[in-house]
């Protein structure tokens, strides 16, 4: 039998999560039956929804998965897991040796697909347009901005620290600013693009959306990916007043989950992998060592400690 560590939620979060909301337990895994396997967690994704783990197959009685192969799984905060092979995504067999497997949880995984589909399917981004992205130094936002540059667009990003702004400029963003230190968010947006914005990739929600709407160009497109500013509120925020701008500028605003286009994932992941190997797409990771530090990494991500993709290495 394999003994697995597992983090469980002791209490539903009230406001921002606390260390006491989590508890680590030990689980005894039975030996796999025919069609089953045991997976060992190598890297765990740290994001608001805590979905994915990069795992290695260590014992297998499933002919579709050989021992030593790598997969991305949705199995919670566990060091080992018993799986029947459903809902596993194999990592491509020709994954380059010089690219960390953890990238399968970031730019060459769900965050990268979210960025790609939000820009291509929702925004239908075109060369020469101006793209705005908030939370731009995070796992999704940093990929959004770089894909925008690959597609020949002018890209404006905002983030919550001077170090993050410097990182965005290293990535090739045309304009970047720290939303926490500007005197006026509205004025900072105007200075970054006096003519307004064709596309807006929304990761934050709340007051930021209220400031952006008046500065969207006619027929602008808005991809709503997340709203991290709202996740830990105990009192719901009032939404931005957007109706007049939506109507008179004839804007398109659509929320999405990248699973909608899962039938494209294999081809899309190979495109992302090619951009990484060609040096067109850079990936920075914020790595926390140790399974025991999962709650701390999760809380740190929620308060913006990471630049790039937040990952726990087991």
C-alpha atoms as a PDB file:
ATOM      1  CA  UNK A   1       0.000   0.000   0.000  1.00  0.00           C
ATOM      2  CA  UNK A   2       1.010   3.604  -0.622  1.00  0.00           C
ATOM      3  CA  UNK A   3       0.528   6.229   2.057  1.00  0.00           C
ATOM      4  CA  UNK A   4      -0.626   9.564   0.606  1.00  0.00           C
ATOM      5  CA  UNK A   5      -0.760  13.006   2.134  1.00  0.00           C
ATOM      6  CA  UNK A   6      -3.914  14.986   1.450  1.00  0.00           C
ATOM      7  CA  UNK A   7      -4.955  18.524   2.322  1.00  0.00           C
ATOM      8  CA  UNK A   8      -8.634  18.931   3.186  1.00  0.00           C
ATOM      9  CA  UNK A   9     -10.758  21.989   3.863  1.00  0.00           C
ATOM     10  CA  UNK A  10     -11.727  22.123   7.537  1.00  0.00           C
ATOM     11  CA  UNK A  11     -13.858  25.256   7.229  1.00  0.00           C
ATOM     12  CA  UNK A  12     -15.466  27.137   4.382  1.00  0.00           C
ATOM     13  CA  UNK A  13     -13.583  30.394   3.865  1.00  0.00           C
ATOM     14  CA  UNK A  14     -15.082  33.500   5.454  1.00  0.00           C
ATOM     15  CA  UNK A  15     -13.301  36.335   3.710  1.00  0.00           C
ATOM     16  CA  UNK A  16      -9.630  35.660   3.066  1.00  0.00           C
ATOM     17  CA  UNK A  17      -8.593  32.040   3.883  1.00  0.00           C
ATOM     18  CA  UNK A  18      -6.577  31.252   7.031  1.00  0.00           C
ATOM     19  CA  UNK A  19      -4.078  28.492   7.791  1.00  0.00           C
ATOM     20  CA  UNK A  20      -6.583  27.044  10.282  1.00  0.00           C
ATOM     21  CA  UNK A  21      -9.043  26.461   7.414  1.00  0.00           C
ATOM     22  CA  UNK A  22      -6.822  23.633   6.138  1.00  0.00           C
ATOM     23  CA  UNK A  23      -5.805  20.270   7.585  1.00  0.00           C
ATOM     24  CA  UNK A  24      -3.383  17.655   6.251  1.00  0.00           C
ATOM     25  CA  UNK A  25      -4.334  13.990   6.639  1.00  0.00           C
ATOM     26  CA  UNK A  26      -2.788  10.664   5.686  1.00  0.00           C
ATOM     27  CA  UNK A  27      -4.579   8.230   3.375  1.00  0.00           C
ATOM     28  CA  UNK A  28      -3.759   4.573   2.691  1.00  0.00           C
ATOM     29  CA  UNK A  29      -4.198   3.771  -0.988  1.00  0.00           C
ATOM     30  CA  UNK A  30      -5.174   0.206  -1.924  1.00  0.00           C
ATOM     31  CA  UNK A  31      -3.228  -1.706  -4.531  1.00  0.00           C
ATOM     32  CA  UNK A  32      -4.513  -0.902  -8.028  1.00  0.00           C
ATOM     33  CA  UNK A  33      -6.924  -3.303  -9.680  1.00  0.00           C
ATOM     34  CA  UNK A  34      -7.048  -4.050 -13.394  1.00  0.00           C
ATOM     35  CA  UNK A  35      -7.465  -0.775 -15.277  1.00  0.00           C
ATOM     36  CA  UNK A  36      -6.149   1.310 -12.376  1.00  0.00           C
ATOM     37  CA  UNK A  37      -2.857   3.012 -11.589  1.00  0.00           C
ATOM     38  CA  UNK A  38      -1.146   5.033  -8.894  1.00  0.00           C
ATOM     39  CA  UNK A  39       0.020   8.543  -9.701  1.00  0.00           C
ATOM     40  CA  UNK A  40       2.639  10.519  -7.811  1.00  0.00           C
ATOM     41  CA  UNK A  41       2.295  14.302  -7.731  1.00  0.00           C
ATOM     42  CA  UNK A  42       5.343  16.188  -8.990  1.00  0.00           C
ATOM     43  CA  UNK A  43       3.924  19.712  -9.321  1.00  0.00           C
ATOM     44  CA  UNK A  44       0.635  21.170  -8.169  1.00  0.00           C
ATOM     45  CA  UNK A  45      -0.940  24.176  -9.827  1.00  0.00           C
ATOM     46  CA  UNK A  46      -1.718  27.107  -7.527  1.00  0.00           C
ATOM     47  CA  UNK A  47      -4.670  29.124  -8.800  1.00  0.00           C
ATOM     48  CA  UNK A  48      -8.041  30.264  -7.411  1.00  0.00           C
ATOM     49  CA  UNK A  49      -9.707  27.030  -8.482  1.00  0.00           C
ATOM     50  CA  UNK A  50      -6.876  24.572  -7.630  1.00  0.00           C
ATOM     51  CA  UNK A  51      -7.590  22.201 -10.447  1.00  0.00           C
ATOM     52  CA  UNK A  52      -4.538  20.523 -11.903  1.00  0.00           C
ATOM     53  CA  UNK A  53      -1.569  18.397 -10.900  1.00  0.00           C
ATOM     54  CA  UNK A  54       1.355  17.193 -13.005  1.00  0.00           C
ATOM     55  CA  UNK A  55       1.851  13.543 -12.064  1.00  0.00           C
ATOM     56  CA  UNK A  56       3.996  10.547 -12.917  1.00  0.00           C
ATOM     57  CA  UNK A  57       2.589   7.036 -13.248  1.00  0.00           C
ATOM     58  CA  UNK A  58       4.475   4.874 -10.712  1.00  0.00           C
ATOM     59  CA  UNK A  59       2.328   1.703 -10.735  1.00  0.00           C
ATOM     60  CA  UNK A  60       0.024   0.760 -13.603  1.00  0.00           C
ATOM     61  CA  UNK A  61      -2.456  -1.968 -14.437  1.00  0.00           C
ATOM     62  CA  UNK A  62      -3.933   0.196 -17.183  1.00  0.00           C
ATOM     63  CA  UNK A  63      -2.505  -0.578 -20.646  1.00  0.00           C
ATOM     64  CA  UNK A  64      -3.138   2.994 -21.807  1.00  0.00           C
ATOM     65  CA  UNK A  65      -0.653   4.429 -19.283  1.00  0.00           C
ATOM     66  CA  UNK A  66       2.832   3.036 -18.855  1.00  0.00           C
ATOM     67  CA  UNK A  67       4.947   3.341 -15.720  1.00  0.00           C
ATOM     68  CA  UNK A  68       7.117   6.445 -15.972  1.00  0.00           C
ATOM     69  CA  UNK A  69       4.714   8.369 -18.215  1.00  0.00           C
ATOM     70  CA  UNK A  70       3.460  11.823 -17.224  1.00  0.00           C
ATOM     71  CA  UNK A  71      -0.082  13.159 -17.064  1.00  0.00           C
ATOM     72  CA  UNK A  72      -2.028  16.196 -15.947  1.00  0.00           C
ATOM     73  CA  UNK A  73      -4.819  15.266 -13.551  1.00  0.00           C
ATOM     74  CA  UNK A  74      -7.592  16.930 -11.566  1.00  0.00           C
ATOM     75  CA  UNK A  75      -7.356  15.141  -8.234  1.00  0.00           C
ATOM     76  CA  UNK A  76      -7.050  17.730  -5.487  1.00  0.00           C
ATOM     77  CA  UNK A  77      -4.201  18.372  -3.071  1.00  0.00           C
ATOM     78  CA  UNK A  78      -2.813  14.837  -2.797  1.00  0.00           C
ATOM     79  CA  UNK A  79       0.730  13.519  -2.947  1.00  0.00           C
ATOM     80  CA  UNK A  80      -0.425  10.191  -4.456  1.00  0.00           C
ATOM     81  CA  UNK A  81      -3.742   9.196  -5.984  1.00  0.00           C
ATOM     82  CA  UNK A  82      -5.401   6.018  -7.251  1.00  0.00           C
ATOM     83  CA  UNK A  83      -6.827   6.577 -10.752  1.00  0.00           C
ATOM     84  CA  UNK A  84      -8.794   4.550 -13.278  1.00  0.00           C
ATOM     85  CA  UNK A  85      -7.419   6.691 -16.107  1.00  0.00           C
ATOM     86  CA  UNK A  86     -10.481   8.874 -16.670  1.00  0.00           C
ATOM     87  CA  UNK A  87     -10.021  12.635 -16.962  1.00  0.00           C
ATOM     88  CA  UNK A  88      -6.257  12.332 -17.371  1.00  0.00           C
ATOM     89  CA  UNK A  89      -4.417  14.314 -20.028  1.00  0.00           C
ATOM     90  CA  UNK A  90      -1.157  12.677 -21.149  1.00  0.00           C
ATOM     91  CA  UNK A  91       1.766  15.047 -21.580  1.00  0.00           C
ATOM     92  CA  UNK A  92       3.069  14.795 -25.145  1.00  0.00           C
ATOM     93  CA  UNK A  93       5.590  11.991 -25.514  1.00  0.00           C
ATOM     94  CA  UNK A  94       8.061  14.239 -27.333  1.00  0.00           C
ATOM     95  CA  UNK A  95       8.045  16.926 -24.612  1.00  0.00           C
ATOM     96  CA  UNK A  96      11.451  18.666 -24.922  1.00  0.00           C
ATOM     97  CA  UNK A  97      13.882  17.686 -22.169  1.00  0.00           C
ATOM     98  CA  UNK A  98      14.981  21.286 -21.638  1.00  0.00           C
ATOM     99  CA  UNK A  99      11.436  22.490 -20.836  1.00  0.00           C
ATOM    100  CA  UNK A 100      10.253  21.864 -17.243  1.00  0.00           C
ATOM    101  CA  UNK A 101       7.248  19.582 -16.880  1.00  0.00           C
ATOM    102  CA  UNK A 102       5.708  22.225 -14.627  1.00  0.00           C
ATOM    103  CA  UNK A 103       5.050  24.302 -17.754  1.00  0.00           C
ATOM    104  CA  UNK A 104       2.237  21.810 -18.449  1.00  0.00           C
ATOM    105  CA  UNK A 105       0.401  23.547 -15.598  1.00  0.00           C
ATOM    106  CA  UNK A 106       1.122  27.027 -16.952  1.00  0.00           C
ATOM    107  CA  UNK A 107       1.869  28.459 -20.376  1.00  0.00           C
ATOM    108  CA  UNK A 108       1.640  25.036 -22.045  1.00  0.00           C
ATOM    109  CA  UNK A 109      -1.435  24.043 -20.071  1.00  0.00           C
ATOM    110  CA  UNK A 110      -4.759  25.419 -18.888  1.00  0.00           C
ATOM    111  CA  UNK A 111      -3.560  29.033 -18.346  1.00  0.00           C
ATOM    112  CA  UNK A 112      -2.011  29.127 -21.814  1.00  0.00           C
ATOM    113  CA  UNK A 113      -5.147  27.676 -23.390  1.00  0.00           C
ATOM    114  CA  UNK A 114      -7.277  30.214 -21.501  1.00  0.00           C
ATOM    115  CA  UNK A 115      -5.165  33.045 -22.887  1.00  0.00           C
ATOM    116  CA  UNK A 116      -5.220  31.657 -26.428  1.00  0.00           C
ATOM    117  CA  UNK A 117      -8.944  30.920 -26.613  1.00  0.00           C
ATOM    118  CA  UNK A 118      -9.896  34.185 -24.924  1.00  0.00           C
ATOM    119  CA  UNK A 119      -7.975  36.152 -27.528  1.00  0.00           C
ATOM    120  CA  UNK A 120      -8.811  34.079 -30.610  1.00  0.00           C
ATOM    121  CA  UNK A 121     -12.325  32.818 -29.932  1.00  0.00           C
ATOM    122  CA  UNK A 122     -13.804  35.630 -27.811  1.00  0.00           C
ATOM    123  CA  UNK A 123     -11.839  38.775 -28.720  1.00  0.00           C
ATOM    124  CA  UNK A 124     -10.964  37.678 -32.263  1.00  0.00           C
ATOM    125  CA  UNK A 125      -7.849  39.820 -31.905  1.00  0.00           C
ATOM    126  CA  UNK A 126      -6.445  41.338 -35.098  1.00  0.00           C
ATOM    127  CA  UNK A 127      -3.022  42.723 -35.937  1.00  0.00           C
ATOM    128  CA  UNK A 128      -2.714  46.445 -35.270  1.00  0.00           C
ATOM    129  CA  UNK A 129      -5.316  46.512 -32.493  1.00  0.00           C
ATOM    130  CA  UNK A 130      -4.739  47.679 -28.920  1.00  0.00           C
ATOM    131  CA  UNK A 131      -5.156  45.062 -26.210  1.00  0.00           C
ATOM    132  CA  UNK A 132      -5.538  45.728 -22.481  1.00  0.00           C
ATOM    133  CA  UNK A 133      -4.968  43.018 -19.868  1.00  0.00           C
ATOM    134  CA  UNK A 134      -5.130  43.314 -16.089  1.00  0.00           C
ATOM    135  CA  UNK A 135      -3.423  40.995 -13.595  1.00  0.00           C
ATOM    136  CA  UNK A 136      -0.944  40.990 -16.452  1.00  0.00           C
ATOM    137  CA  UNK A 137       1.981  39.474 -14.539  1.00  0.00           C
ATOM    138  CA  UNK A 138       0.002  36.382 -13.540  1.00  0.00           C
ATOM    139  CA  UNK A 139      -0.161  32.957 -15.134  1.00  0.00           C
ATOM    140  CA  UNK A 140      -2.855  33.863 -17.679  1.00  0.00           C
ATOM    141  CA  UNK A 141      -2.246  37.588 -18.105  1.00  0.00           C
ATOM    142  CA  UNK A 142       1.447  37.249 -18.927  1.00  0.00           C
ATOM    143  CA  UNK A 143       0.625  34.775 -21.705  1.00  0.00           C
ATOM    144  CA  UNK A 144      -2.212  36.971 -22.987  1.00  0.00           C
ATOM    145  CA  UNK A 145       0.128  39.916 -23.442  1.00  0.00           C
ATOM    146  CA  UNK A 146       2.805  37.882 -25.178  1.00  0.00           C
ATOM    147  CA  UNK A 147       0.336  36.283 -27.589  1.00  0.00           C
ATOM    148  CA  UNK A 148      -0.952  39.789 -28.315  1.00  0.00           C
ATOM    149  CA  UNK A 149       2.564  40.815 -29.330  1.00  0.00           C
ATOM    150  CA  UNK A 150       3.013  37.644 -31.413  1.00  0.00           C
ATOM    151  CA  UNK A 151      -0.151  38.643 -33.280  1.00  0.00           C
ATOM    152  CA  UNK A 152       1.162  42.134 -34.022  1.00  0.00           C
ATOM    153  CA  UNK A 153      -0.872  44.129 -31.503  1.00  0.00           C
ATOM    154  CA  UNK A 154      -0.101  46.983 -29.148  1.00  0.00           C
ATOM    155  CA  UNK A 155      -0.379  45.638 -25.592  1.00  0.00           C
ATOM    156  CA  UNK A 156      -1.051  47.505 -22.352  1.00  0.00           C
ATOM    157  CA  UNK A 157      -0.832  45.667 -19.037  1.00  0.00           C
ATOM    158  CA  UNK A 158      -1.327  46.572 -15.413  1.00  0.00           C
ATOM    159  CA  UNK A 159      -0.115  44.815 -12.290  1.00  0.00           C
ATOM    160  CA  UNK A 160       0.156  45.384  -8.551  1.00  0.00           C
ATOM    161  CA  UNK A 161       3.852  46.058  -7.950  1.00  0.00           C
ATOM    162  CA  UNK A 162       6.784  47.846  -9.578  1.00  0.00           C
ATOM    163  CA  UNK A 163       8.617  44.517  -9.893  1.00  0.00           C
ATOM    164  CA  UNK A 164       5.693  43.100 -11.850  1.00  0.00           C
ATOM    165  CA  UNK A 165       5.582  46.158 -14.089  1.00  0.00           C
ATOM    166  CA  UNK A 166       9.297  45.733 -14.807  1.00  0.00           C
ATOM    167  CA  UNK A 167       8.631  42.085 -15.708  1.00  0.00           C
ATOM    168  CA  UNK A 168       5.889  43.102 -18.162  1.00  0.00           C
ATOM    169  CA  UNK A 169       8.286  45.478 -19.891  1.00  0.00           C
ATOM    170  CA  UNK A 170      10.834  42.648 -20.150  1.00  0.00           C
ATOM    171  CA  UNK A 171       8.142  40.580 -21.883  1.00  0.00           C
ATOM    172  CA  UNK A 172       7.654  43.305 -24.495  1.00  0.00           C
ATOM    173  CA  UNK A 173       4.467  44.999 -23.303  1.00  0.00           C
ATOM    174  CA  UNK A 174       4.237  48.409 -24.965  1.00  0.00           C
ATOM    175  CA  UNK A 175       2.907  50.083 -21.828  1.00  0.00           C
ATOM    176  CA  UNK A 176       2.587  48.861 -18.242  1.00  0.00           C
ATOM    177  CA  UNK A 177       1.679  50.533 -14.964  1.00  0.00           C
ATOM    178  CA  UNK A 178       1.182  49.747 -11.275  1.00  0.00           C
ATOM    179  CA  UNK A 179      -2.508  50.217 -10.529  1.00  0.00           C
ATOM    180  CA  UNK A 180      -1.772  50.537  -6.799  1.00  0.00           C
ATOM    181  CA  UNK A 181       0.430  53.613  -7.152  1.00  0.00           C
ATOM    182  CA  UNK A 182      -1.200  55.640  -9.941  1.00  0.00           C
ATOM    183  CA  UNK A 183      -3.114  58.701  -8.809  1.00  0.00           C
ATOM    184  CA  UNK A 184      -6.065  57.893 -11.071  1.00  0.00           C
ATOM    185  CA  UNK A 185      -6.747  54.574 -12.777  1.00  0.00           C
ATOM    186  CA  UNK A 186      -8.818  56.303 -15.442  1.00  0.00           C
ATOM    187  CA  UNK A 187      -5.995  58.727 -16.239  1.00  0.00           C
ATOM    188  CA  UNK A 188      -3.391  55.937 -16.284  1.00  0.00           C
ATOM    189  CA  UNK A 189      -5.497  54.032 -18.809  1.00  0.00           C
ATOM    190  CA  UNK A 190      -5.844  57.147 -20.988  1.00  0.00           C
ATOM    191  CA  UNK A 191      -2.115  57.842 -20.853  1.00  0.00           C
ATOM    192  CA  UNK A 192      -1.337  54.272 -21.855  1.00  0.00           C
ATOM    193  CA  UNK A 193      -3.639  54.458 -24.890  1.00  0.00           C
ATOM    194  CA  UNK A 194      -5.193  57.831 -25.683  1.00  0.00           C
ATOM    195  CA  UNK A 195      -7.261  56.330 -28.505  1.00  0.00           C
ATOM    196  CA  UNK A 196      -8.789  53.654 -26.298  1.00  0.00           C
ATOM    197  CA  UNK A 197      -8.844  49.867 -26.442  1.00  0.00           C
ATOM    198  CA  UNK A 198     -10.088  47.415 -29.055  1.00  0.00           C
ATOM    199  CA  UNK A 199      -9.886  44.383 -26.771  1.00  0.00           C
ATOM    200  CA  UNK A 200      -9.857  43.935 -23.012  1.00  0.00           C
ATOM    201  CA  UNK A 201      -8.897  40.674 -21.280  1.00  0.00           C
ATOM    202  CA  UNK A 202     -10.547  40.823 -17.858  1.00  0.00           C
ATOM    203  CA  UNK A 203      -9.049  38.894 -14.924  1.00  0.00           C
ATOM    204  CA  UNK A 204      -9.902  41.197 -12.004  1.00  0.00           C
ATOM    205  CA  UNK A 205     -13.441  42.616 -12.019  1.00  0.00           C
ATOM    206  CA  UNK A 206     -14.798  45.279  -9.672  1.00  0.00           C
ATOM    207  CA  UNK A 207     -13.687  48.900  -9.976  1.00  0.00           C
ATOM    208  CA  UNK A 208     -11.225  48.154 -12.757  1.00  0.00           C
ATOM    209  CA  UNK A 209     -14.043  47.258 -15.162  1.00  0.00           C
ATOM    210  CA  UNK A 210     -15.853  50.484 -14.315  1.00  0.00           C
ATOM    211  CA  UNK A 211     -12.750  52.460 -15.281  1.00  0.00           C
ATOM    212  CA  UNK A 212     -12.164  50.570 -18.533  1.00  0.00           C
ATOM    213  CA  UNK A 213     -15.645  50.657 -20.068  1.00  0.00           C
ATOM    214  CA  UNK A 214     -15.636  54.359 -21.030  1.00  0.00           C
ATOM    215  CA  UNK A 215     -12.295  53.829 -22.768  1.00  0.00           C
ATOM    216  CA  UNK A 216     -13.312  50.945 -24.987  1.00  0.00           C
ATOM    217  CA  UNK A 217     -13.459  51.718 -28.693  1.00  0.00           C
ATOM    218  CA  UNK A 218     -16.697  51.209 -30.640  1.00  0.00           C
ATOM    219  CA  UNK A 219     -17.265  47.519 -31.388  1.00  0.00           C
ATOM    220  CA  UNK A 220     -14.684  46.567 -28.759  1.00  0.00           C
ATOM    221  CA  UNK A 221     -14.532  43.023 -27.437  1.00  0.00           C
ATOM    222  CA  UNK A 222     -14.114  41.948 -23.818  1.00  0.00           C
ATOM    223  CA  UNK A 223     -13.145  38.436 -22.693  1.00  0.00           C
ATOM    224  CA  UNK A 224     -14.078  37.845 -19.051  1.00  0.00           C
ATOM    225  CA  UNK A 225     -11.774  35.190 -17.634  1.00  0.00           C
ATOM    226  CA  UNK A 226     -11.803  35.894 -13.883  1.00  0.00           C
ATOM    227  CA  UNK A 227     -12.636  38.323 -11.106  1.00  0.00           C
ATOM    228  CA  UNK A 228      -9.961  37.796  -8.474  1.00  0.00           C
ATOM    229  CA  UNK A 229     -10.744  41.096  -6.742  1.00  0.00           C
ATOM    230  CA  UNK A 230     -14.125  39.659  -5.682  1.00  0.00           C
ATOM    231  CA  UNK A 231     -13.318  36.111  -4.590  1.00  0.00           C
ATOM    232  CA  UNK A 232     -12.791  36.777  -0.876  1.00  0.00           C
ATOM    233  CA  UNK A 233     -15.347  39.528  -0.324  1.00  0.00           C
ATOM    234  CA  UNK A 234     -17.706  39.033   2.602  1.00  0.00           C
ATOM    235  CA  UNK A 235     -20.026  41.741   1.241  1.00  0.00           C
ATOM    236  CA  UNK A 236     -20.736  41.568  -2.500  1.00  0.00           C
ATOM    237  CA  UNK A 237     -19.432  44.526  -4.473  1.00  0.00           C
ATOM    238  CA  UNK A 238     -21.832  46.494  -6.604  1.00  0.00           C
ATOM    239  CA  UNK A 239     -21.164  45.868 -10.263  1.00  0.00           C
ATOM    240  CA  UNK A 240     -19.798  48.458 -12.665  1.00  0.00           C
ATOM    241  CA  UNK A 241     -22.302  50.703 -14.426  1.00  0.00           C
ATOM    242  CA  UNK A 242     -21.692  49.557 -17.977  1.00  0.00           C
ATOM    243  CA  UNK A 243     -25.032  49.461 -19.762  1.00  0.00           C
ATOM    244  CA  UNK A 244     -24.768  52.772 -21.617  1.00  0.00           C
ATOM    245  CA  UNK A 245     -21.249  52.005 -22.849  1.00  0.00           C
ATOM    246  CA  UNK A 246     -22.267  48.499 -23.917  1.00  0.00           C
ATOM    247  CA  UNK A 247     -25.184  49.876 -25.915  1.00  0.00           C
ATOM    248  CA  UNK A 248     -23.823  53.006 -27.547  1.00  0.00           C
ATOM    249  CA  UNK A 249     -20.379  51.573 -28.290  1.00  0.00           C
ATOM    250  CA  UNK A 250     -21.918  48.246 -29.353  1.00  0.00           C
ATOM    251  CA  UNK A 251     -19.446  46.279 -27.258  1.00  0.00           C
ATOM    252  CA  UNK A 252     -19.236  42.522 -27.038  1.00  0.00           C
ATOM    253  CA  UNK A 253     -18.575  41.128 -23.538  1.00  0.00           C
ATOM    254  CA  UNK A 254     -18.477  37.389 -22.910  1.00  0.00           C
ATOM    255  CA  UNK A 255     -17.420  35.161 -20.051  1.00  0.00           C
ATOM    256  CA  UNK A 256     -15.811  31.854 -20.900  1.00  0.00           C
ATOM    257  CA  UNK A 257     -14.154  28.663 -19.693  1.00  0.00           C
ATOM    258  CA  UNK A 258     -11.447  27.211 -21.894  1.00  0.00           C
ATOM    259  CA  UNK A 259     -13.046  23.727 -21.764  1.00  0.00           C
ATOM    260  CA  UNK A 260     -15.487  24.959 -24.399  1.00  0.00           C
ATOM    261  CA  UNK A 261     -12.800  24.393 -27.025  1.00  0.00           C
ATOM    262  CA  UNK A 262     -11.240  21.236 -25.604  1.00  0.00           C
ATOM    263  CA  UNK A 263     -11.522  19.569 -29.015  1.00  0.00           C
ATOM    264  CA  UNK A 264      -8.753  21.971 -30.124  1.00  0.00           C
ATOM    265  CA  UNK A 265      -6.458  21.353 -27.167  1.00  0.00           C
ATOM    266  CA  UNK A 266      -3.922  19.047 -28.782  1.00  0.00           C
ATOM    267  CA  UNK A 267      -3.233  21.409 -31.683  1.00  0.00           C
ATOM    268  CA  UNK A 268      -3.364  24.475 -29.415  1.00  0.00           C
ATOM    269  CA  UNK A 269      -0.934  23.031 -26.868  1.00  0.00           C
ATOM    270  CA  UNK A 270       1.518  22.258 -29.659  1.00  0.00           C
ATOM    271  CA  UNK A 271       1.266  25.865 -30.861  1.00  0.00           C
ATOM    272  CA  UNK A 272       2.040  27.105 -27.358  1.00  0.00           C
ATOM    273  CA  UNK A 273       4.915  24.622 -27.039  1.00  0.00           C
ATOM    274  CA  UNK A 274       6.332  25.799 -30.377  1.00  0.00           C
ATOM    275  CA  UNK A 275       6.232  29.452 -29.251  1.00  0.00           C
ATOM    276  CA  UNK A 276       8.084  28.511 -26.072  1.00  0.00           C
ATOM    277  CA  UNK A 277      10.778  26.544 -27.897  1.00  0.00           C
ATOM    278  CA  UNK A 278      11.174  29.376 -30.431  1.00  0.00           C
ATOM    279  CA  UNK A 279      11.631  31.919 -27.630  1.00  0.00           C
ATOM    280  CA  UNK A 280       8.492  33.856 -28.557  1.00  0.00           C
ATOM    281  CA  UNK A 281       6.686  32.943 -25.331  1.00  0.00           C
ATOM    282  CA  UNK A 282       8.527  33.308 -22.030  1.00  0.00           C
ATOM    283  CA  UNK A 283       7.412  31.518 -18.884  1.00  0.00           C
ATOM    284  CA  UNK A 284       8.278  32.632 -15.374  1.00  0.00           C
ATOM    285  CA  UNK A 285       7.297  30.489 -12.429  1.00  0.00           C
ATOM    286  CA  UNK A 286       6.870  31.225  -8.737  1.00  0.00           C
ATOM    287  CA  UNK A 287       7.796  27.856  -7.207  1.00  0.00           C
ATOM    288  CA  UNK A 288       7.083  26.909  -3.601  1.00  0.00           C
ATOM    289  CA  UNK A 289       8.929  23.835  -2.361  1.00  0.00           C
ATOM    290  CA  UNK A 290       7.134  21.180  -0.354  1.00  0.00           C
ATOM    291  CA  UNK A 291       3.653  19.666  -0.255  1.00  0.00           C
ATOM    292  CA  UNK A 292       3.290  20.884   3.332  1.00  0.00           C
ATOM    293  CA  UNK A 293       3.341  24.473   2.045  1.00  0.00           C
ATOM    294  CA  UNK A 294       0.277  24.162  -0.195  1.00  0.00           C
ATOM    295  CA  UNK A 295      -2.009  26.405   1.923  1.00  0.00           C
ATOM    296  CA  UNK A 296       0.664  29.093   2.238  1.00  0.00           C
ATOM    297  CA  UNK A 297       1.257  29.038  -1.529  1.00  0.00           C
ATOM    298  CA  UNK A 298      -2.489  29.247  -2.168  1.00  0.00           C
ATOM    299  CA  UNK A 299      -2.953  32.225   0.130  1.00  0.00           C
ATOM    300  CA  UNK A 300       0.128  33.922  -1.302  1.00  0.00           C
ATOM    301  CA  UNK A 301      -1.266  33.585  -4.820  1.00  0.00           C
ATOM    302  CA  UNK A 302      -4.571  35.144  -3.762  1.00  0.00           C
ATOM    303  CA  UNK A 303      -2.765  38.203  -2.404  1.00  0.00           C
ATOM    304  CA  UNK A 304      -0.559  38.556  -5.492  1.00  0.00           C
ATOM    305  CA  UNK A 305       2.799  37.264  -4.253  1.00  0.00           C
ATOM    306  CA  UNK A 306       3.608  35.495  -7.516  1.00  0.00           C
ATOM    307  CA  UNK A 307       5.046  36.730 -10.785  1.00  0.00           C
ATOM    308  CA  UNK A 308       4.098  34.256 -13.500  1.00  0.00           C
ATOM    309  CA  UNK A 309       2.624  30.851 -12.721  1.00  0.00           C
ATOM    310  CA  UNK A 310       2.445  29.806  -9.077  1.00  0.00           C
ATOM    311  CA  UNK A 311       3.434  26.155  -8.619  1.00  0.00           C
ATOM    312  CA  UNK A 312       4.180  23.871  -5.685  1.00  0.00           C
ATOM    313  CA  UNK A 313       6.964  21.342  -6.264  1.00  0.00           C
ATOM    314  CA  UNK A 314       6.311  18.250  -4.157  1.00  0.00           C
END
